[in-house]
N, C-alpha and C. Protein backbone atom coordinates (compact mmCIF):
# COMPACT_ATOMS: atom_id res chain seq x y z
N MET A 1 0.82 -1.19 0.00
CA MET A 1 0.00 0.00 0.00
C MET A 1 0.87 1.26 0.00
N LYS A 2 1.95 1.20 0.77
CA LYS A 2 2.87 2.34 0.87
C LYS A 2 3.53 2.62 -0.49
N LYS A 3 3.86 1.56 -1.22
CA LYS A 3 4.48 1.71 -2.54
C LYS A 3 3.50 2.33 -3.54
N ILE A 4 2.25 1.93 -3.46
CA ILE A 4 1.24 2.47 -4.36
C ILE A 4 1.05 3.96 -4.11
N LEU A 5 0.98 4.35 -2.84
CA LEU A 5 0.84 5.77 -2.51
C LEU A 5 2.04 6.57 -2.99
N MET A 6 3.22 6.03 -2.83
CA MET A 6 4.44 6.71 -3.28
C MET A 6 4.44 6.86 -4.81
N LEU A 7 4.00 5.82 -5.51
CA LEU A 7 3.91 5.88 -6.97
C LEU A 7 2.90 6.93 -7.40
N LEU A 8 1.72 6.97 -6.78
CA LEU A 8 0.72 7.98 -7.10
C LEU A 8 1.23 9.40 -6.83
N PHE A 9 1.93 9.58 -5.74
CA PHE A 9 2.50 10.88 -5.41
C PHE A 9 3.52 11.31 -6.47
N THR A 10 4.36 10.38 -6.90
CA THR A 10 5.37 10.67 -7.92
C THR A 10 4.71 11.06 -9.24
N VAL A 11 3.67 10.34 -9.64
CA VAL A 11 2.95 10.65 -10.87
C VAL A 11 2.32 12.04 -10.78
N LEU A 12 1.71 12.35 -9.65
CA LEU A 12 1.11 13.67 -9.47
C LEU A 12 2.14 14.78 -9.56
N VAL A 13 3.29 14.60 -8.95
CA VAL A 13 4.34 15.61 -8.99
C VAL A 13 4.85 15.80 -10.42
N LEU A 14 5.07 14.70 -11.12
CA LEU A 14 5.58 14.80 -12.49
C LEU A 14 4.57 15.44 -13.43
N THR A 15 3.30 15.11 -13.30
CA THR A 15 2.32 15.71 -14.19
C THR A 15 2.07 17.17 -13.85
N ALA A 16 2.27 17.54 -12.61
CA ALA A 16 2.10 18.94 -12.23
C ALA A 16 3.26 19.79 -12.74
N CYS A 17 4.39 19.18 -13.00
CA CYS A 17 5.58 19.92 -13.42
C CYS A 17 5.69 20.07 -14.93
N ALA A 18 5.01 19.25 -15.69
CA ALA A 18 5.14 19.32 -17.15
C ALA A 18 3.78 19.16 -17.81
N GLU A 19 3.56 19.97 -18.82
CA GLU A 19 2.34 19.88 -19.62
C GLU A 19 2.76 19.68 -21.07
N THR A 20 2.34 18.56 -21.65
CA THR A 20 2.75 18.22 -23.01
C THR A 20 1.53 18.26 -23.94
N THR A 21 1.72 18.89 -25.09
CA THR A 21 0.68 18.94 -26.11
C THR A 21 1.21 18.32 -27.39
N ASN A 22 0.50 17.33 -27.90
CA ASN A 22 0.88 16.69 -29.17
C ASN A 22 0.01 17.25 -30.28
N ASN A 23 0.62 17.62 -31.38
CA ASN A 23 -0.07 18.19 -32.53
C ASN A 23 0.21 17.31 -33.74
N ASP A 24 -0.75 16.49 -34.11
CA ASP A 24 -0.62 15.60 -35.26
C ASP A 24 -1.70 15.95 -36.27
N TYR A 25 -1.29 16.46 -37.42
CA TYR A 25 -2.24 16.92 -38.42
C TYR A 25 -1.87 16.41 -39.80
N LYS A 26 -2.91 16.30 -40.64
CA LYS A 26 -2.69 15.99 -42.05
C LYS A 26 -3.40 17.07 -42.85
N PHE A 27 -2.66 17.76 -43.70
CA PHE A 27 -3.20 18.79 -44.56
C PHE A 27 -3.26 18.22 -45.98
N LYS A 28 -4.33 18.53 -46.72
CA LYS A 28 -4.47 18.03 -48.08
C LYS A 28 -5.01 19.13 -48.98
N GLY A 29 -4.67 19.02 -50.26
CA GLY A 29 -5.20 19.94 -51.25
C GLY A 29 -4.81 19.48 -52.64
N GLU A 30 -5.38 20.15 -53.65
CA GLU A 30 -5.06 19.77 -55.02
C GLU A 30 -5.31 20.92 -55.99
N SER A 31 -4.69 20.78 -57.14
CA SER A 31 -4.90 21.69 -58.27
C SER A 31 -5.34 20.84 -59.45
N GLU A 32 -5.31 21.40 -60.62
CA GLU A 32 -5.74 20.64 -61.81
C GLU A 32 -4.85 19.42 -62.05
N HIS A 33 -3.53 19.57 -61.90
CA HIS A 33 -2.59 18.50 -62.23
C HIS A 33 -1.91 17.83 -61.03
N TRP A 34 -1.99 18.45 -59.86
CA TRP A 34 -1.24 17.97 -58.70
C TRP A 34 -2.13 17.84 -57.47
N GLU A 35 -1.73 16.93 -56.58
CA GLU A 35 -2.34 16.85 -55.26
C GLU A 35 -1.21 16.69 -54.25
N ALA A 36 -1.45 17.17 -53.03
CA ALA A 36 -0.37 17.13 -52.04
C ALA A 36 -0.93 16.85 -50.66
N GLU A 37 -0.06 16.27 -49.83
CA GLU A 37 -0.33 16.05 -48.42
C GLU A 37 0.85 16.60 -47.63
N TYR A 38 0.55 17.17 -46.49
CA TYR A 38 1.57 17.64 -45.56
C TYR A 38 1.23 16.99 -44.23
N VAL A 39 2.02 15.99 -43.83
CA VAL A 39 1.78 15.25 -42.60
C VAL A 39 2.69 15.83 -41.53
N TYR A 40 2.08 16.35 -40.47
CA TYR A 40 2.81 17.11 -39.46
C TYR A 40 2.66 16.48 -38.08
N THR A 41 3.78 16.40 -37.35
CA THR A 41 3.79 15.94 -35.97
C THR A 41 4.62 16.92 -35.16
N GLY A 42 4.01 17.47 -34.11
CA GLY A 42 4.72 18.41 -33.26
C GLY A 42 4.40 18.17 -31.79
N THR A 43 5.37 18.44 -30.94
CA THR A 43 5.20 18.29 -29.50
C THR A 43 5.66 19.56 -28.80
N GLU A 44 4.80 20.06 -27.91
CA GLU A 44 5.14 21.23 -27.10
C GLU A 44 5.17 20.79 -25.64
N VAL A 45 6.18 21.24 -24.90
CA VAL A 45 6.28 20.90 -23.48
C VAL A 45 6.49 22.17 -22.68
N TRP A 46 5.58 22.41 -21.73
CA TRP A 46 5.70 23.50 -20.77
C TRP A 46 6.09 22.87 -19.44
N ARG A 47 7.15 23.41 -18.81
CA ARG A 47 7.62 22.90 -17.52
C ARG A 47 7.77 24.04 -16.54
N LYS A 48 7.71 23.67 -15.26
CA LYS A 48 8.04 24.61 -14.21
C LYS A 48 9.40 24.21 -13.67
N ASP A 49 10.34 25.11 -13.74
CA ASP A 49 11.70 24.82 -13.32
C ASP A 49 12.16 25.94 -12.38
N ASN A 50 12.29 25.62 -11.10
CA ASN A 50 12.68 26.61 -10.08
C ASN A 50 11.77 27.83 -10.10
N GLY A 51 10.46 27.59 -10.25
CA GLY A 51 9.51 28.69 -10.24
C GLY A 51 9.34 29.38 -11.59
N ASN A 52 10.19 29.08 -12.56
CA ASN A 52 10.07 29.67 -13.89
C ASN A 52 9.40 28.69 -14.84
N ARG A 53 8.59 29.22 -15.72
CA ARG A 53 7.93 28.38 -16.72
C ARG A 53 8.80 28.34 -17.97
N THR A 54 9.14 27.14 -18.44
CA THR A 54 9.97 26.97 -19.64
C THR A 54 9.15 26.28 -20.72
N TYR A 55 9.58 26.46 -21.95
CA TYR A 55 8.89 25.91 -23.11
C TYR A 55 9.90 25.26 -24.03
N SER A 56 9.55 24.12 -24.58
CA SER A 56 10.36 23.49 -25.63
C SER A 56 9.42 22.86 -26.64
N SER A 57 9.93 22.70 -27.85
CA SER A 57 9.10 22.10 -28.91
C SER A 57 9.98 21.31 -29.86
N GLU A 58 9.37 20.32 -30.47
CA GLU A 58 9.99 19.52 -31.53
C GLU A 58 8.92 19.26 -32.56
N ASP A 59 9.31 19.22 -33.82
CA ASP A 59 8.34 18.88 -34.85
C ASP A 59 9.01 18.26 -36.05
N SER A 60 8.18 17.60 -36.85
CA SER A 60 8.66 17.02 -38.11
C SER A 60 7.51 17.01 -39.10
N TYR A 61 7.87 16.97 -40.38
CA TYR A 61 6.84 16.93 -41.41
C TYR A 61 7.30 16.08 -42.58
N GLN A 62 6.32 15.63 -43.34
CA GLN A 62 6.58 14.97 -44.61
C GLN A 62 5.63 15.60 -45.62
N PHE A 63 6.19 16.10 -46.71
CA PHE A 63 5.42 16.73 -47.78
C PHE A 63 5.44 15.78 -48.97
N ILE A 64 4.25 15.38 -49.43
CA ILE A 64 4.14 14.42 -50.53
C ILE A 64 3.36 15.08 -51.66
N LEU A 65 3.99 15.17 -52.82
CA LEU A 65 3.39 15.78 -54.00
C LEU A 65 3.20 14.69 -55.05
N LYS A 66 1.97 14.59 -55.60
CA LYS A 66 1.67 13.55 -56.59
C LYS A 66 1.09 14.17 -57.84
N TYR A 67 1.61 13.74 -58.99
CA TYR A 67 1.05 14.15 -60.27
C TYR A 67 -0.20 13.33 -60.52
N LYS A 68 -1.28 13.97 -60.93
CA LYS A 68 -2.56 13.29 -61.11
C LYS A 68 -2.69 12.58 -62.46
N GLY A 69 -1.79 12.88 -63.39
CA GLY A 69 -1.84 12.24 -64.70
C GLY A 69 -0.93 11.03 -64.76
N SER A 70 -0.49 10.70 -65.98
CA SER A 70 0.34 9.51 -66.20
C SER A 70 1.82 9.89 -66.33
N LEU A 71 2.66 8.88 -66.19
CA LEU A 71 4.11 9.09 -66.40
C LEU A 71 4.38 9.57 -67.82
N GLU A 72 3.61 9.09 -68.75
CA GLU A 72 3.78 9.49 -70.14
C GLU A 72 3.59 11.00 -70.30
N GLU A 73 2.63 11.57 -69.58
CA GLU A 73 2.39 13.01 -69.65
C GLU A 73 3.56 13.81 -69.09
N LEU A 74 4.29 13.23 -68.15
CA LEU A 74 5.45 13.92 -67.54
C LEU A 74 6.76 13.64 -68.29
N SER A 75 6.72 12.80 -69.29
CA SER A 75 7.95 12.30 -69.92
C SER A 75 8.84 13.40 -70.52
N SER A 76 8.28 14.53 -70.90
CA SER A 76 9.09 15.57 -71.54
C SER A 76 9.72 16.56 -70.54
N ILE A 77 9.33 16.51 -69.27
CA ILE A 77 9.91 17.49 -68.34
C ILE A 77 11.32 17.10 -67.94
N ARG A 78 12.14 18.07 -67.74
CA ARG A 78 13.52 17.85 -67.29
C ARG A 78 13.77 18.48 -65.93
N LYS A 79 12.81 19.33 -65.50
CA LYS A 79 12.98 20.01 -64.21
C LYS A 79 11.62 20.16 -63.53
N LEU A 80 11.58 19.83 -62.25
CA LEU A 80 10.39 19.99 -61.43
C LEU A 80 10.79 20.79 -60.19
N LYS A 81 10.05 21.85 -59.93
CA LYS A 81 10.33 22.68 -58.76
C LYS A 81 9.03 22.79 -57.96
N TYR A 82 9.10 22.45 -56.68
CA TYR A 82 7.90 22.57 -55.84
C TYR A 82 8.27 23.14 -54.49
N ALA A 83 7.32 23.90 -53.93
CA ALA A 83 7.56 24.57 -52.66
C ALA A 83 6.28 24.56 -51.83
N HIS A 84 6.47 24.57 -50.50
CA HIS A 84 5.35 24.71 -49.57
C HIS A 84 5.74 25.76 -48.54
N GLU A 85 4.72 26.46 -48.03
CA GLU A 85 5.00 27.51 -47.06
C GLU A 85 3.92 27.53 -45.97
N THR A 86 4.38 27.44 -44.72
CA THR A 86 3.52 27.60 -43.56
C THR A 86 3.79 28.99 -42.99
N THR A 87 3.10 29.36 -41.92
CA THR A 87 3.37 30.66 -41.32
C THR A 87 4.72 30.70 -40.64
N SER A 88 5.28 29.53 -40.31
CA SER A 88 6.54 29.50 -39.58
C SER A 88 7.73 28.97 -40.37
N SER A 89 7.49 28.34 -41.51
CA SER A 89 8.61 27.78 -42.27
C SER A 89 8.22 27.57 -43.72
N SER A 90 9.22 27.23 -44.51
CA SER A 90 8.95 26.93 -45.91
C SER A 90 10.00 25.93 -46.40
N GLY A 91 9.68 25.29 -47.48
CA GLY A 91 10.60 24.35 -48.08
C GLY A 91 10.47 24.40 -49.59
N GLU A 92 11.59 24.26 -50.27
CA GLU A 92 11.58 24.28 -51.73
C GLU A 92 12.51 23.17 -52.22
N THR A 93 12.04 22.43 -53.19
CA THR A 93 12.81 21.33 -53.76
C THR A 93 12.84 21.47 -55.28
N THR A 94 14.02 21.26 -55.86
CA THR A 94 14.17 21.23 -57.31
C THR A 94 14.71 19.87 -57.71
N ARG A 95 14.02 19.21 -58.62
CA ARG A 95 14.46 17.92 -59.14
C ARG A 95 14.76 18.08 -60.61
N GLU A 96 15.95 17.65 -61.03
CA GLU A 96 16.31 17.67 -62.44
C GLU A 96 16.42 16.23 -62.92
N PHE A 97 15.93 16.00 -64.12
CA PHE A 97 15.88 14.64 -64.66
C PHE A 97 16.73 14.54 -65.92
N ASP A 98 17.56 13.49 -65.99
CA ASP A 98 18.35 13.22 -67.19
C ASP A 98 17.48 12.60 -68.28
N GLY A 99 16.48 11.88 -67.84
CA GLY A 99 15.53 11.26 -68.76
C GLY A 99 14.13 11.47 -68.20
N PRO A 100 13.16 10.80 -68.75
CA PRO A 100 11.79 10.96 -68.24
C PRO A 100 11.71 10.55 -66.76
N PRO A 101 10.90 11.24 -65.96
CA PRO A 101 10.72 10.82 -64.56
C PRO A 101 10.17 9.40 -64.51
N GLU A 102 10.54 8.68 -63.46
CA GLU A 102 10.11 7.29 -63.32
C GLU A 102 9.03 7.12 -62.26
N VAL A 103 8.69 8.21 -61.58
CA VAL A 103 7.66 8.17 -60.53
C VAL A 103 6.71 9.36 -60.66
N LEU A 104 5.53 9.21 -60.09
CA LEU A 104 4.55 10.29 -60.09
C LEU A 104 4.48 11.01 -58.75
N SER A 105 5.20 10.49 -57.76
CA SER A 105 5.14 11.03 -56.40
C SER A 105 6.52 11.53 -55.97
N PHE A 106 6.54 12.69 -55.32
CA PHE A 106 7.79 13.31 -54.90
C PHE A 106 7.64 13.73 -53.43
N THR A 107 8.68 13.51 -52.64
CA THR A 107 8.59 13.71 -51.20
C THR A 107 9.70 14.60 -50.69
N ALA A 108 9.35 15.43 -49.71
CA ALA A 108 10.33 16.23 -48.97
C ALA A 108 9.97 16.10 -47.49
N SER A 109 10.97 16.19 -46.64
CA SER A 109 10.68 16.10 -45.20
C SER A 109 11.66 16.97 -44.43
N GLY A 110 11.33 17.20 -43.17
CA GLY A 110 12.19 18.01 -42.33
C GLY A 110 11.77 17.89 -40.88
N ALA A 111 12.60 18.45 -40.01
CA ALA A 111 12.33 18.43 -38.57
C ALA A 111 13.06 19.60 -37.93
N SER A 112 12.57 20.00 -36.76
CA SER A 112 13.25 21.07 -36.03
C SER A 112 12.98 20.93 -34.54
N LYS A 113 13.81 21.60 -33.76
CA LYS A 113 13.64 21.69 -32.31
C LYS A 113 13.62 23.16 -31.95
N GLY A 114 12.67 23.52 -31.09
CA GLY A 114 12.61 24.89 -30.62
C GLY A 114 11.93 25.86 -31.56
N GLY A 115 11.36 25.38 -32.63
CA GLY A 115 10.71 26.25 -33.60
C GLY A 115 9.25 26.49 -33.26
N VAL A 116 8.60 27.23 -34.13
CA VAL A 116 7.18 27.53 -33.98
C VAL A 116 6.37 26.33 -34.47
N ILE A 117 5.36 25.97 -33.72
CA ILE A 117 4.52 24.82 -34.05
C ILE A 117 3.47 25.21 -35.09
N VAL A 118 3.24 24.33 -36.07
CA VAL A 118 2.18 24.52 -37.05
C VAL A 118 0.85 24.23 -36.36
N ARG A 119 -0.12 25.07 -36.58
CA ARG A 119 -1.44 24.92 -35.95
C ARG A 119 -2.43 24.23 -36.89
N GLU A 120 -3.42 23.62 -36.31
CA GLU A 120 -4.40 22.83 -37.05
C GLU A 120 -5.19 23.65 -38.07
N ASP A 121 -5.43 24.91 -37.79
CA ASP A 121 -6.23 25.74 -38.70
C ASP A 121 -5.40 26.47 -39.74
N GLU A 122 -4.13 26.15 -39.82
CA GLU A 122 -3.25 26.82 -40.77
C GLU A 122 -3.59 26.44 -42.21
N VAL A 123 -3.29 27.34 -43.12
CA VAL A 123 -3.44 27.08 -44.55
C VAL A 123 -2.03 27.07 -45.14
N ILE A 124 -1.65 25.97 -45.77
CA ILE A 124 -0.31 25.82 -46.34
C ILE A 124 -0.37 26.11 -47.83
N GLN A 125 0.50 27.00 -48.27
CA GLN A 125 0.57 27.39 -49.68
C GLN A 125 1.52 26.45 -50.42
N VAL A 126 1.13 26.01 -51.61
CA VAL A 126 1.96 25.12 -52.43
C VAL A 126 2.10 25.72 -53.82
N LYS A 127 3.33 25.66 -54.36
CA LYS A 127 3.59 26.09 -55.74
C LYS A 127 4.36 24.98 -56.44
N VAL A 128 3.94 24.68 -57.66
CA VAL A 128 4.60 23.64 -58.45
C VAL A 128 4.90 24.21 -59.83
N LYS A 129 6.11 24.01 -60.29
CA LYS A 129 6.49 24.43 -61.63
C LYS A 129 7.16 23.25 -62.32
N TRP A 130 6.64 22.89 -63.50
CA TRP A 130 7.22 21.80 -64.28
C TRP A 130 7.18 22.21 -65.74
N GLY A 131 8.30 22.11 -66.39
CA GLY A 131 8.38 22.58 -67.77
C GLY A 131 7.99 24.05 -67.84
N ASP A 132 7.08 24.40 -68.73
CA ASP A 132 6.60 25.78 -68.85
C ASP A 132 5.31 26.01 -68.06
N LEU A 133 4.88 25.05 -67.29
CA LEU A 133 3.62 25.14 -66.56
C LEU A 133 3.86 25.43 -65.08
N GLU A 134 2.86 26.07 -64.46
CA GLU A 134 2.95 26.39 -63.05
C GLU A 134 1.55 26.40 -62.44
N GLU A 135 1.43 25.85 -61.23
CA GLU A 135 0.17 25.86 -60.50
C GLU A 135 0.43 26.17 -59.04
N SER A 136 -0.54 26.80 -58.40
CA SER A 136 -0.51 27.09 -56.97
C SER A 136 -1.81 26.61 -56.36
N PHE A 137 -1.74 26.12 -55.13
CA PHE A 137 -2.94 25.70 -54.43
C PHE A 137 -2.69 25.69 -52.94
N GLU A 138 -3.73 25.43 -52.17
CA GLU A 138 -3.65 25.45 -50.71
C GLU A 138 -3.92 24.08 -50.13
N LEU A 139 -3.31 23.83 -48.98
CA LEU A 139 -3.58 22.61 -48.21
C LEU A 139 -4.33 22.99 -46.93
N HIS A 140 -5.33 22.19 -46.59
CA HIS A 140 -6.12 22.43 -45.39
C HIS A 140 -6.13 21.16 -44.56
N THR A 141 -6.39 21.30 -43.28
CA THR A 141 -6.38 20.17 -42.34
C THR A 141 -7.47 19.17 -42.68
N LYS A 142 -7.07 17.93 -42.61
CA LYS A 142 -8.01 16.82 -42.72
C LYS A 142 -7.77 15.93 -41.50
N GLY A 143 -8.78 15.19 -41.05
CA GLY A 143 -8.59 14.28 -39.93
C GLY A 143 -7.56 13.22 -40.25
N LYS A 144 -6.69 12.96 -39.32
CA LYS A 144 -5.62 12.00 -39.57
C LYS A 144 -6.07 10.59 -39.33
């Protein structure tokens, strides 16, 4: 009984000292030729340390861009440039091809510590340029 009480006391002390928020979101959107997903995972931790409140955060994302047509339709491109932008960060990728692309899906990912967390109601801007064509569209939160 004494061990159980000690364990409960320890759990209470630890939970009173730290508050953790997990942010797991999936954003989706599409244009005429492209569709994209932005899968986001972030953790925020608020702690009390010697009477001071401290904050830390970690996050990671995976950006997946898919061409809605066939590989044959992409066969003439030699360069693909795509970018995404949140309120706190952005990413841009350029792919150059020696021959026709062999896939319809392209991925970028990243992670950070101590940065600003992406919020569920955010709108992510996407720009895609391939050959002489260019499209822009937005990603919005979808249930994960």
